[in-house]
C-alpha cells in the first residue's frame, strides 16, 4: 500500500510538473507574441507619423507655392498696368522691357528665398545657362504650370514648351531623365550634376 501511494504521489507530481512547464511555455509564448505585436504597432505608428509629417511638409510647400504664385500674378498685373499707363503718357514702347525685367527679378527673389538660392546654384553649376533659362527652371521647380509661366513672362505657351526642350539639351539630360525630377533632385541634393542624376531618374 505504501509503495502504491508513493507511486501515485510521484505520478501526480510529475503530471503537475508537466502542467506547470506547459503553463510557463504558454505564458512565455503569449508574452513574446504580445511584445512582437507591440513592436509592430510601434513601427506602424512611427511610419504613420513620418507620413503625416511628410504630408504636412508637402501641404506647407503647396501653400507657400500658391501664395507665391498669387503675389507674383498680382504684381505682374500691376507692372503691366503701369507699363500701359507709361506708354499712354509717353507714346513709347521703351518702358515695357524694364517692367518685364522687374517681374523676372522679383520672381527670382521669391523662389530663391523658398528654394535655397536655386538660381545662384544653377548659375554656378551651369554657367552657360541664360537668365531666362534659370528663371524658367526656378518656376518649374516652384510648380508653375506652362500657362502660368507664359502669363508671367508674357509669351505664348508654345514658346515655353520650346524653351523646356532647349533646356534639356543645355542640361545634357538624356531621354530617360525627366526635367522636373532633375530639378527636384538638383534642389534637394544641393547641386548634383546632370550626368549623376540621370543615372537614377527615369521619365
Protein backbone atom coordinates (compact mmCIF):
# COMPACT_ATOMS: atom_id res chain seq x y z
CA UNK A 1 0.00 0.00 0.00
CA UNK A 2 2.76 2.45 0.93
CA UNK A 3 4.60 1.70 -2.30
CA UNK A 4 1.40 2.21 -4.36
CA UNK A 5 0.68 5.51 -2.59
CA UNK A 6 4.23 6.70 -3.25
CA UNK A 7 3.90 5.78 -6.95
CA UNK A 8 0.58 7.64 -7.15
CA UNK A 9 2.12 10.72 -5.49
CA UNK A 10 5.10 10.55 -7.85
CA UNK A 11 2.81 10.33 -10.89
CA UNK A 12 0.71 13.25 -9.61
CA UNK A 13 3.86 15.32 -9.01
CA UNK A 14 5.17 14.52 -12.49
CA UNK A 15 1.80 15.46 -14.00
CA UNK A 16 1.75 18.71 -12.01
CA UNK A 17 5.32 19.44 -13.10
CA UNK A 18 4.42 18.88 -16.77
CA UNK A 19 1.34 21.07 -16.42
CA UNK A 20 3.49 23.79 -14.80
CA UNK A 21 6.01 23.58 -17.66
CA UNK A 22 3.22 23.82 -20.24
CA UNK A 23 1.69 26.81 -18.43
CA UNK A 24 5.11 28.54 -18.31
CA UNK A 25 5.65 27.85 -22.04
CA UNK A 26 2.17 29.19 -22.85
CA UNK A 27 2.68 32.33 -20.74
CA UNK A 28 6.11 32.88 -22.34
CA UNK A 29 4.65 32.44 -25.86
CA UNK A 30 1.82 34.87 -25.15
CA UNK A 31 4.31 37.40 -23.72
CA UNK A 32 6.55 37.15 -26.79
CA UNK A 33 3.57 37.36 -29.11
CA UNK A 34 2.32 40.48 -27.33
CA UNK A 35 5.81 42.00 -27.40
CA UNK A 36 6.01 41.37 -31.15
CA UNK A 37 2.59 42.95 -31.66
CA UNK A 38 3.65 45.99 -29.66
CA UNK A 39 6.86 46.28 -31.72
CA UNK A 40 4.90 46.05 -34.97
CA UNK A 41 2.36 48.59 -33.72
CA UNK A 42 5.17 50.94 -32.70
CA UNK A 43 6.76 50.68 -36.15
CA UNK A 44 3.39 51.32 -37.79
CA UNK A 45 2.86 54.36 -35.57
CA UNK A 46 6.32 55.68 -36.48
CA UNK A 47 5.61 55.19 -40.19
CA UNK A 48 2.24 56.89 -39.85
CA UNK A 49 3.87 59.78 -38.01
CA UNK A 50 6.54 60.09 -40.72
CA UNK A 51 3.85 60.07 -43.43
CA UNK A 52 1.86 62.74 -41.59
CA UNK A 53 4.98 64.89 -41.22
CA UNK A 54 5.73 64.44 -44.93
CA UNK A 55 2.13 65.31 -45.81
CA UNK A 56 2.32 68.43 -43.61
CA UNK A 57 5.59 69.44 -45.30
CA UNK A 58 4.01 68.94 -48.73
CA UNK A 59 0.92 70.93 -47.69
CA UNK A 60 3.10 73.74 -46.36
CA UNK A 61 5.12 73.77 -49.57
CA UNK A 62 1.97 73.80 -51.72
CA UNK A 63 0.52 76.65 -49.66
CA UNK A 64 3.79 78.54 -49.98
CA UNK A 65 3.84 77.97 -53.74
CA UNK A 66 0.20 79.05 -54.05
CA UNK A 67 0.83 82.25 -52.07
CA UNK A 68 3.95 82.99 -54.12
CA UNK A 69 2.11 82.48 -57.41
CA UNK A 70 -0.81 84.65 -56.27
CA UNK A 71 1.51 87.50 -55.19
CA UNK A 72 3.53 87.29 -58.39
CA UNK A 73 0.43 87.33 -60.59
CA UNK A 74 -0.87 90.40 -58.72
CA UNK A 75 2.48 92.13 -59.18
CA UNK A 76 2.56 91.22 -62.88
CA UNK A 77 -0.84 92.81 -63.37
CA UNK A 78 0.34 95.91 -61.53
CA UNK A 79 3.53 96.18 -63.61
CA UNK A 80 1.57 95.70 -66.82
CA UNK A 81 -0.98 98.35 -65.90
CA UNK A 82 1.88 100.73 -65.04
CA UNK A 83 3.52 99.92 -68.39
CA UNK A 84 0.27 100.61 -70.26
CA UNK A 85 -0.11 103.93 -68.43
CA UNK A 86 3.53 104.76 -69.19
CA UNK A 87 3.00 104.05 -72.89
CA UNK A 88 -0.15 106.16 -72.93
CA UNK A 89 1.73 109.09 -71.39
CA UNK A 90 4.96 108.81 -73.37
CA UNK A 91 3.61 107.20 -76.55
CA UNK A 92 6.63 104.89 -76.49
CA UNK A 93 7.27 101.13 -76.10
CA UNK A 94 10.51 101.65 -74.19
CA UNK A 95 9.06 101.16 -70.72
CA UNK A 96 7.94 97.58 -71.41
CA UNK A 97 11.40 95.99 -71.11
CA UNK A 98 12.19 97.45 -67.64
CA UNK A 99 8.80 96.22 -66.40
CA UNK A 100 9.48 92.66 -67.62
CA UNK A 101 12.97 92.78 -66.09
CA UNK A 102 11.44 93.84 -62.79
CA UNK A 103 8.93 90.96 -62.91
CA UNK A 104 11.68 88.41 -63.62
CA UNK A 105 13.88 89.82 -60.85
CA UNK A 106 11.01 89.61 -58.36
CA UNK A 107 10.22 86.00 -59.35
CA UNK A 108 13.86 85.01 -58.82
CA UNK A 109 13.94 86.69 -55.38
CA UNK A 110 10.76 84.89 -54.24
CA UNK A 111 11.91 81.49 -55.49
CA UNK A 112 15.48 81.83 -54.16
CA UNK A 113 14.11 82.61 -50.69
CA UNK A 114 12.00 79.44 -50.74
CA UNK A 115 14.38 77.10 -52.60
CA UNK A 116 17.88 77.55 -51.11
CA UNK A 117 19.15 80.13 -53.62
CA UNK A 118 18.32 77.86 -56.53
CA UNK A 119 19.11 80.43 -59.23
CA UNK A 120 22.60 81.09 -57.87
CA UNK A 121 23.35 77.36 -57.59
CA UNK A 122 22.12 76.74 -61.13
CA UNK A 123 24.28 79.61 -62.41
CA UNK A 124 27.33 78.21 -60.63
CA UNK A 125 26.75 74.63 -61.83
CA UNK A 126 25.75 75.60 -65.40
CA UNK A 127 27.41 78.92 -66.36
CA UNK A 128 26.18 78.60 -69.97
CA UNK A 129 22.51 78.94 -68.92
CA UNK A 130 20.91 82.31 -69.69
CA UNK A 131 18.95 84.34 -67.14
CA UNK A 132 15.72 83.25 -68.88
CA UNK A 133 16.81 79.57 -68.70
CA UNK A 134 17.40 79.87 -64.95
CA UNK A 135 14.14 81.76 -64.46
CA UNK A 136 12.12 79.01 -66.18
CA UNK A 137 13.95 76.29 -64.17
CA UNK A 138 13.04 78.13 -60.98
CA UNK A 139 9.40 78.49 -61.94
CA UNK A 140 9.12 74.84 -62.98
CA UNK A 141 10.51 73.73 -59.62
CA UNK A 142 8.08 76.08 -57.85
CA UNK A 143 5.23 74.17 -59.55
CA UNK A 144 4.24 76.89 -62.02
CA UNK A 145 2.41 75.30 -64.92
CA UNK A 146 3.16 76.16 -68.55
CA UNK A 147 0.20 78.54 -68.82
CA UNK A 148 1.20 80.48 -65.71
CA UNK A 149 4.84 80.76 -66.81
CA UNK A 150 3.68 82.03 -70.21
CA UNK A 151 1.39 84.57 -68.48
CA UNK A 152 4.13 85.83 -66.17
CA UNK A 153 6.66 86.15 -68.98
CA UNK A 154 4.10 87.49 -71.46
CA UNK A 155 4.82 84.82 -74.09
CA UNK A 156 2.85 82.03 -75.77
CA UNK A 157 2.58 78.53 -74.25
CA UNK A 158 4.38 77.09 -77.29
CA UNK A 159 7.40 79.27 -76.51
CA UNK A 160 7.68 77.76 -73.03
CA UNK A 161 7.46 74.21 -74.42
CA UNK A 162 10.24 75.00 -76.92
CA UNK A 163 12.31 76.54 -74.14
CA UNK A 164 11.88 73.41 -72.00
CA UNK A 165 13.14 71.27 -74.86
CA UNK A 166 16.20 73.51 -75.26
CA UNK A 167 16.79 73.41 -71.51
CA UNK A 168 17.01 69.60 -71.59
CA UNK A 169 19.77 69.85 -74.20
CA UNK A 170 21.66 72.54 -72.28
CA UNK A 171 21.47 70.48 -69.07
CA UNK A 172 22.63 67.41 -71.06
CA UNK A 173 19.68 65.29 -69.92
CA UNK A 174 19.18 62.00 -71.74
CA UNK A 175 15.77 60.82 -72.97
CA UNK A 176 15.07 58.81 -69.81
CA UNK A 177 15.66 61.78 -67.47
CA UNK A 178 12.63 63.93 -66.61
CA UNK A 179 13.34 67.67 -66.38
CA UNK A 180 11.12 68.25 -63.33
CA UNK A 181 12.63 65.28 -61.47
CA UNK A 182 16.10 66.53 -62.33
CA UNK A 183 15.33 69.98 -60.90
CA UNK A 184 13.86 68.46 -57.73
CA UNK A 185 16.98 66.34 -57.20
CA UNK A 186 19.27 69.26 -58.02
CA UNK A 187 17.48 71.35 -55.38
CA UNK A 188 17.35 68.54 -52.78
CA UNK A 189 20.97 67.41 -53.21
CA UNK A 190 22.45 70.92 -53.33
CA UNK A 191 23.50 70.90 -56.96
CA UNK A 192 24.29 67.36 -58.17
CA UNK A 193 25.41 67.37 -61.79
CA UNK A 194 23.02 66.15 -64.51
CA UNK A 195 25.05 63.11 -65.58
CA UNK A 196 24.89 61.81 -61.98
CA UNK A 197 21.17 62.46 -61.53
CA UNK A 198 20.33 60.97 -64.95
CA UNK A 199 21.53 57.58 -63.75
CA UNK A 200 18.55 57.14 -61.42
CA UNK A 201 15.79 59.48 -62.61
CA UNK A 202 13.51 57.88 -65.17
CA UNK A 203 10.91 59.57 -67.28
